[in-house]
Amino acid sequence: MEILLWLAPAAVVAVLAMAWVGWVGREPREQVDREAALERMAGALARPDRAGYAAPAPERDRSTGIAV
């Protein structure tokens, strides 16, 4: 276990660097226009639901239980 102690400073530096890059690289928060958000939500809820899926369901193989 003592032989791995030399890895501790490198691990701490790596974790701090990842946290710093994650914080600096994020997009700044912008104020959300409440009315525009409500209009987008109402538009999304007003759209009719599509019946079914985009692709047809694949046909199931008839298994005989015998390995080929």
PDB file of N, CA and C in Angstrom:
ATOM      1  N   MET A   1       0.823  -1.190   0.000  1.00  0.00           N
ATOM      2  CA  MET A   1       0.000   0.000   0.000  1.00  0.00           C
ATOM      3  C   MET A   1       0.869   1.257   0.000  1.00  0.00           C
ATOM      4  N   GLU A   2       1.981   1.201   0.708  1.00  0.00           N
ATOM      5  CA  GLU A   2       2.860   2.365   0.778  1.00  0.00           C
ATOM      6  C   GLU A   2       3.467   2.689  -0.570  1.00  0.00           C
ATOM      7  N   ILE A   3       3.617   1.679  -1.398  1.00  0.00           N
ATOM      8  CA  ILE A   3       4.232   1.916  -2.704  1.00  0.00           C
ATOM      9  C   ILE A   3       3.316   2.755  -3.601  1.00  0.00           C
ATOM     10  N   LEU A   4       2.031   2.781  -3.317  1.00  0.00           N
ATOM     11  CA  LEU A   4       1.085   3.542  -4.125  1.00  0.00           C
ATOM     12  C   LEU A   4       0.914   4.976  -3.641  1.00  0.00           C
ATOM     13  N   LEU A   5       1.560   5.345  -2.536  1.00  0.00           N
ATOM     14  CA  LEU A   5       1.418   6.700  -2.009  1.00  0.00           C
ATOM     15  C   LEU A   5       1.963   7.753  -2.961  1.00  0.00           C
ATOM     16  N   TRP A   6       2.908   7.395  -3.812  1.00  0.00           N
ATOM     17  CA  TRP A   6       3.439   8.371  -4.754  1.00  0.00           C
ATOM     18  C   TRP A   6       2.412   8.745  -5.809  1.00  0.00           C
ATOM     19  N   LEU A   7       1.360   7.939  -5.940  1.00  0.00           N
ATOM     20  CA  LEU A   7       0.291   8.244  -6.897  1.00  0.00           C
ATOM     21  C   LEU A   7      -0.703   9.264  -6.351  1.00  0.00           C
ATOM     22  N   ALA A   8      -0.759   9.444  -5.052  1.00  0.00           N
ATOM     23  CA  ALA A   8      -1.752  10.336  -4.443  1.00  0.00           C
ATOM     24  C   ALA A   8      -1.648  11.770  -4.940  1.00  0.00           C
ATOM     25  N   PRO A   9      -0.471  12.400  -4.980  1.00  0.00           N
ATOM     26  CA  PRO A   9      -0.427  13.781  -5.481  1.00  0.00           C
ATOM     27  C   PRO A   9      -0.877  13.892  -6.941  1.00  0.00           C
ATOM     28  N   ALA A  10      -0.496  12.946  -7.759  1.00  0.00           N
ATOM     29  CA  ALA A  10      -0.912  12.976  -9.161  1.00  0.00           C
ATOM     30  C   ALA A  10      -2.426  12.805  -9.286  1.00  0.00           C
ATOM     31  N   ALA A  11      -3.010  11.946  -8.470  1.00  0.00           N
ATOM     32  CA  ALA A  11      -4.455  11.742  -8.508  1.00  0.00           C
ATOM     33  C   ALA A  11      -5.199  12.994  -8.055  1.00  0.00           C
ATOM     34  N   VAL A  12      -4.692  13.649  -7.017  1.00  0.00           N
ATOM     35  CA  VAL A  12      -5.331  14.880  -6.531  1.00  0.00           C
ATOM     36  C   VAL A  12      -5.262  15.971  -7.589  1.00  0.00           C
ATOM     37  N   VAL A  13      -4.114  16.121  -8.233  1.00  0.00           N
ATOM     38  CA  VAL A  13      -3.962  17.122  -9.280  1.00  0.00           C
ATOM     39  C   VAL A  13      -4.884  16.805 -10.448  1.00  0.00           C
ATOM     40  N   ALA A  14      -4.997  15.552 -10.815  1.00  0.00           N
ATOM     41  CA  ALA A  14      -5.858  15.169 -11.932  1.00  0.00           C
ATOM     42  C   ALA A  14      -7.321  15.457 -11.618  1.00  0.00           C
ATOM     43  N   VAL A  15      -7.762  15.146 -10.415  1.00  0.00           N
ATOM     44  CA  VAL A  15      -9.154  15.400 -10.026  1.00  0.00           C
ATOM     45  C   VAL A  15      -9.433  16.905 -10.006  1.00  0.00           C
ATOM     46  N   LEU A  16      -8.520  17.673  -9.466  1.00  0.00           N
ATOM     47  CA  LEU A  16      -8.701  19.127  -9.449  1.00  0.00           C
ATOM     48  C   LEU A  16      -8.730  19.693 -10.868  1.00  0.00           C
ATOM     49  N   ALA A  17      -7.881  19.188 -11.745  1.00  0.00           N
ATOM     50  CA  ALA A  17      -7.867  19.662 -13.128  1.00  0.00           C
ATOM     51  C   ALA A  17      -9.176  19.320 -13.831  1.00  0.00           C
ATOM     52  N   MET A  18      -9.699  18.128 -13.597  1.00  0.00           N
ATOM     53  CA  MET A  18     -10.977  17.745 -14.209  1.00  0.00           C
ATOM     54  C   MET A  18     -12.112  18.622 -13.698  1.00  0.00           C
ATOM     55  N   ALA A  19     -12.115  18.913 -12.419  1.00  0.00           N
ATOM     56  CA  ALA A  19     -13.160  19.775 -11.858  1.00  0.00           C
ATOM     57  C   ALA A  19     -13.056  21.185 -12.418  1.00  0.00           C
ATOM     58  N   TRP A  20     -11.832  21.706 -12.533  1.00  0.00           N
ATOM     59  CA  TRP A  20     -11.634  23.058 -13.056  1.00  0.00           C
ATOM     60  C   TRP A  20     -12.058  23.144 -14.518  1.00  0.00           C
ATOM     61  N   VAL A  21     -11.679  22.164 -15.326  1.00  0.00           N
ATOM     62  CA  VAL A  21     -12.056  22.167 -16.746  1.00  0.00           C
ATOM     63  C   VAL A  21     -13.567  22.020 -16.885  1.00  0.00           C
ATOM     64  N   GLY A  22     -14.179  21.204 -16.061  1.00  0.00           N
ATOM     65  CA  GLY A  22     -15.632  21.057 -16.103  1.00  0.00           C
ATOM     66  C   GLY A  22     -16.342  22.340 -15.735  1.00  0.00           C
ATOM     67  N   TRP A  23     -15.791  23.065 -14.783  1.00  0.00           N
ATOM     68  CA  TRP A  23     -16.413  24.327 -14.363  1.00  0.00           C
ATOM     69  C   TRP A  23     -16.202  25.428 -15.395  1.00  0.00           C
ATOM     70  N   VAL A  24     -14.998  25.565 -15.911  1.00  0.00           N
ATOM     71  CA  VAL A  24     -14.680  26.629 -16.859  1.00  0.00           C
ATOM     72  C   VAL A  24     -15.320  26.355 -18.219  1.00  0.00           C
ATOM     73  N   GLY A  25     -15.400  25.096 -18.620  1.00  0.00           N
ATOM     74  CA  GLY A  25     -15.901  24.755 -19.944  1.00  0.00           C
ATOM     75  C   GLY A  25     -17.405  24.729 -20.074  1.00  0.00           C
ATOM     76  N   ARG A  26     -18.124  24.886 -19.009  1.00  0.00           N
ATOM     77  CA  ARG A  26     -19.582  24.815 -19.097  1.00  0.00           C
ATOM     78  C   ARG A  26     -20.137  26.082 -19.717  1.00  0.00           C
ATOM     79  N   GLU A  27     -21.318  25.960 -20.288  1.00  0.00           N
ATOM     80  CA  GLU A  27     -21.971  27.122 -20.874  1.00  0.00           C
ATOM     81  C   GLU A  27     -22.566  27.970 -19.755  1.00  0.00           C
ATOM     82  N   PRO A  28     -22.479  29.282 -19.884  1.00  0.00           N
ATOM     83  CA  PRO A  28     -23.060  30.129 -18.845  1.00  0.00           C
ATOM     84  C   PRO A  28     -24.581  30.019 -18.850  1.00  0.00           C
ATOM     85  N   ARG A  29     -25.143  30.127 -17.684  1.00  0.00           N
ATOM     86  CA  ARG A  29     -26.603  30.068 -17.577  1.00  0.00           C
ATOM     87  C   ARG A  29     -27.204  31.371 -18.057  1.00  0.00           C
ATOM     88  N   GLU A  30     -28.227  31.234 -18.872  1.00  0.00           N
ATOM     89  CA  GLU A  30     -28.924  32.408 -19.356  1.00  0.00           C
ATOM     90  C   GLU A  30     -30.295  32.453 -18.702  1.00  0.00           C
ATOM     91  N   GLN A  31     -30.824  33.645 -18.570  1.00  0.00           N
ATOM     92  CA  GLN A  31     -32.160  33.782 -18.012  1.00  0.00           C
ATOM     93  C   GLN A  31     -33.175  33.241 -19.014  1.00  0.00           C
ATOM     94  N   VAL A  32     -34.095  32.433 -18.532  1.00  0.00           N
ATOM     95  CA  VAL A  32     -35.100  31.822 -19.382  1.00  0.00           C
ATOM     96  C   VAL A  32     -36.318  32.734 -19.419  1.00  0.00           C
ATOM     97  N   ASP A  33     -36.757  33.031 -20.648  1.00  0.00           N
ATOM     98  CA  ASP A  33     -37.973  33.821 -20.802  1.00  0.00           C
ATOM     99  C   ASP A  33     -39.154  32.903 -20.493  1.00  0.00           C
ATOM    100  N   ARG A  34     -39.832  33.196 -19.407  1.00  0.00           N
ATOM    101  CA  ARG A  34     -40.895  32.319 -18.927  1.00  0.00           C
ATOM    102  C   ARG A  34     -42.041  32.205 -19.930  1.00  0.00           C
ATOM    103  N   GLU A  35     -42.398  33.303 -20.552  1.00  0.00           N
ATOM    104  CA  GLU A  35     -43.506  33.277 -21.512  1.00  0.00           C
ATOM    105  C   GLU A  35     -43.142  32.442 -22.736  1.00  0.00           C
ATOM    106  N   ALA A  36     -41.912  32.600 -23.230  1.00  0.00           N
ATOM    107  CA  ALA A  36     -41.482  31.820 -24.397  1.00  0.00           C
ATOM    108  C   ALA A  36     -41.434  30.334 -24.056  1.00  0.00           C
ATOM    109  N   ALA A  37     -40.987  30.006 -22.854  1.00  0.00           N
ATOM    110  CA  ALA A  37     -40.933  28.604 -22.440  1.00  0.00           C
ATOM    111  C   ALA A  37     -42.335  28.015 -22.356  1.00  0.00           C
ATOM    112  N   LEU A  38     -43.289  28.780 -21.839  1.00  0.00           N
ATOM    113  CA  LEU A  38     -44.666  28.296 -21.758  1.00  0.00           C
ATOM    114  C   LEU A  38     -45.272  28.108 -23.147  1.00  0.00           C
ATOM    115  N   GLU A  39     -44.948  29.004 -24.079  1.00  0.00           N
ATOM    116  CA  GLU A  39     -45.450  28.855 -25.443  1.00  0.00           C
ATOM    117  C   GLU A  39     -44.869  27.606 -26.108  1.00  0.00           C
ATOM    118  N   ARG A  40     -43.563  27.358 -25.897  1.00  0.00           N
ATOM    119  CA  ARG A  40     -42.950  26.150 -26.471  1.00  0.00           C
ATOM    120  C   ARG A  40     -43.566  24.897 -25.873  1.00  0.00           C
ATOM    121  N   MET A  41     -43.819  24.922 -24.561  1.00  0.00           N
ATOM    122  CA  MET A  41     -44.422  23.754 -23.910  1.00  0.00           C
ATOM    123  C   MET A  41     -45.839  23.517 -24.416  1.00  0.00           C
ATOM    124  N   ALA A  42     -46.616  24.594 -24.565  1.00  0.00           N
ATOM    125  CA  ALA A  42     -47.986  24.453 -25.069  1.00  0.00           C
ATOM    126  C   ALA A  42     -47.971  23.923 -26.491  1.00  0.00           C
ATOM    127  N   GLY A  43     -47.027  24.386 -27.311  1.00  0.00           N
ATOM    128  CA  GLY A  43     -46.934  23.891 -28.682  1.00  0.00           C
ATOM    129  C   GLY A  43     -46.576  22.419 -28.731  1.00  0.00           C
ATOM    130  N   ALA A  44     -45.676  22.000 -27.858  1.00  0.00           N
ATOM    131  CA  ALA A  44     -45.277  20.594 -27.829  1.00  0.00           C
ATOM    132  C   ALA A  44     -46.419  19.707 -27.344  1.00  0.00           C
ATOM    133  N   LEU A  45     -47.181  20.186 -26.376  1.00  0.00           N
ATOM    134  CA  LEU A  45     -48.297  19.387 -25.866  1.00  0.00           C
ATOM    135  C   LEU A  45     -49.473  19.367 -26.832  1.00  0.00           C
ATOM    136  N   ALA A  46     -49.585  20.378 -27.685  1.00  0.00           N
ATOM    137  CA  ALA A  46     -50.709  20.453 -28.611  1.00  0.00           C
ATOM    138  C   ALA A  46     -50.514  19.542 -29.822  1.00  0.00           C
ATOM    139  N   ARG A  47     -49.287  19.149 -30.115  1.00  0.00           N
ATOM    140  CA  ARG A  47     -49.042  18.272 -31.261  1.00  0.00           C
ATOM    141  C   ARG A  47     -49.712  16.924 -31.033  1.00  0.00           C
ATOM    142  N   PRO A  48     -50.307  16.386 -32.082  1.00  0.00           N
ATOM    143  CA  PRO A  48     -50.943  15.063 -31.915  1.00  0.00           C
ATOM    144  C   PRO A  48     -49.889  13.975 -31.762  1.00  0.00           C
ATOM    145  N   ASP A  49     -50.214  12.994 -30.964  1.00  0.00           N
ATOM    146  CA  ASP A  49     -49.309  11.867 -30.783  1.00  0.00           C
ATOM    147  C   ASP A  49     -49.327  10.999 -32.028  1.00  0.00           C
ATOM    148  N   ARG A  50     -48.172  10.470 -32.362  1.00  0.00           N
ATOM    149  CA  ARG A  50     -48.108   9.550 -33.490  1.00  0.00           C
ATOM    150  C   ARG A  50     -48.464   8.166 -32.997  1.00  0.00           C
ATOM    151  N   ALA A  51     -49.303   7.505 -33.776  1.00  0.00           N
ATOM    152  CA  ALA A  51     -49.668   6.135 -33.424  1.00  0.00           C
ATOM    153  C   ALA A  51     -48.636   5.186 -34.016  1.00  0.00           C
ATOM    154  N   GLY A  52     -48.140   4.272 -33.217  1.00  0.00           N
ATOM    155  CA  GLY A  52     -47.180   3.293 -33.707  1.00  0.00           C
ATOM    156  C   GLY A  52     -45.755   3.770 -33.584  1.00  0.00           C
ATOM    157  N   TYR A  53     -44.884   3.029 -34.213  1.00  0.00           N
ATOM    158  CA  TYR A  53     -43.461   3.320 -34.161  1.00  0.00           C
ATOM    159  C   TYR A  53     -42.966   3.727 -35.534  1.00  0.00           C
ATOM    160  N   ALA A  54     -41.785   4.275 -35.604  1.00  0.00           N
ATOM    161  CA  ALA A  54     -41.212   4.706 -36.867  1.00  0.00           C
ATOM    162  C   ALA A  54     -40.856   3.511 -37.746  1.00  0.00           C
ATOM    163  N   ALA A  55     -40.449   2.420 -37.158  1.00  0.00           N
ATOM    164  CA  ALA A  55     -40.076   1.227 -37.922  1.00  0.00           C
ATOM    165  C   ALA A  55     -40.990   0.074 -37.505  1.00  0.00           C
ATOM    166  N   PRO A  56     -41.343  -0.797 -38.443  1.00  0.00           N
ATOM    167  CA  PRO A  56     -42.184  -1.932 -38.075  1.00  0.00           C
ATOM    168  C   PRO A  56     -41.437  -2.898 -37.165  1.00  0.00           C
ATOM    169  N   ALA A  57     -42.180  -3.610 -36.373  1.00  0.00           N
ATOM    170  CA  ALA A  57     -41.571  -4.573 -35.457  1.00  0.00           C
ATOM    171  C   ALA A  57     -40.967  -5.717 -36.269  1.00  0.00           C
ATOM    172  N   PRO A  58     -39.772  -6.167 -35.919  1.00  0.00           N
ATOM    173  CA  PRO A  58     -39.152  -7.266 -36.667  1.00  0.00           C
ATOM    174  C   PRO A  58     -39.921  -8.564 -36.453  1.00  0.00           C
ATOM    175  N   GLU A  59     -39.892  -9.403 -37.483  1.00  0.00           N
ATOM    176  CA  GLU A  59     -40.572 -10.697 -37.359  1.00  0.00           C
ATOM    177  C   GLU A  59     -39.769 -11.586 -36.423  1.00  0.00           C
ATOM    178  N   ARG A  60     -40.484 -12.333 -35.617  1.00  0.00           N
ATOM    179  CA  ARG A  60     -39.814 -13.227 -34.669  1.00  0.00           C
ATOM    180  C   ARG A  60     -39.461 -14.516 -35.361  1.00  0.00           C
ATOM    181  N   ASP A  61     -38.281 -15.027 -35.063  1.00  0.00           N
ATOM    182  CA  ASP A  61     -37.866 -16.313 -35.609  1.00  0.00           C
ATOM    183  C   ASP A  61     -38.629 -17.432 -34.902  1.00  0.00           C
ATOM    184  N   ARG A  62     -39.033 -18.403 -35.686  1.00  0.00           N
ATOM    185  CA  ARG A  62     -39.695 -19.558 -35.075  1.00  0.00           C
ATOM    186  C   ARG A  62     -38.625 -20.481 -34.539  1.00  0.00           C
ATOM    187  N   SER A  63     -38.525 -20.555 -33.252  1.00  0.00           N
ATOM    188  CA  SER A  63     -37.506 -21.388 -32.633  1.00  0.00           C
ATOM    189  C   SER A  63     -38.037 -22.799 -32.461  1.00  0.00           C
ATOM    190  N   THR A  64     -37.249 -23.774 -32.901  1.00  0.00           N
ATOM    191  CA  THR A  64     -37.652 -25.166 -32.719  1.00  0.00           C
ATOM    192  C   THR A  64     -37.032 -25.762 -31.473  1.00  0.00           C
ATOM    193  N   GLY A  65     -36.098 -25.013 -30.871  1.00  0.00           N
ATOM    194  CA  GLY A  65     -35.461 -25.517 -29.673  1.00  0.00           C
ATOM    195  C   GLY A  65     -34.270 -26.397 -29.971  1.00  0.00           C
ATOM    196  N   ILE A  66     -33.964 -26.581 -31.258  1.00  0.00           N
ATOM    197  CA  ILE A  66     -32.833 -27.435 -31.637  1.00  0.00           C
ATOM    198  C   ILE A  66     -31.705 -26.529 -32.117  1.00  0.00           C
ATOM    199  N   ALA A  67     -30.511 -26.743 -31.579  1.00  0.00           N
ATOM    200  CA  ALA A  67     -29.359 -25.967 -31.999  1.00  0.00           C
ATOM    201  C   ALA A  67     -28.902 -26.452 -33.367  1.00  0.00           C
ATOM    202  N   VAL A  68     -28.616 -25.517 -34.237  1.00  0.00           N
ATOM    203  CA  VAL A  68     -28.197 -25.905 -35.587  1.00  0.00           C
ATOM    204  C   VAL A  68     -26.691 -25.910 -35.645  1.00  0.00           C
TER     205      VAL A  68
END
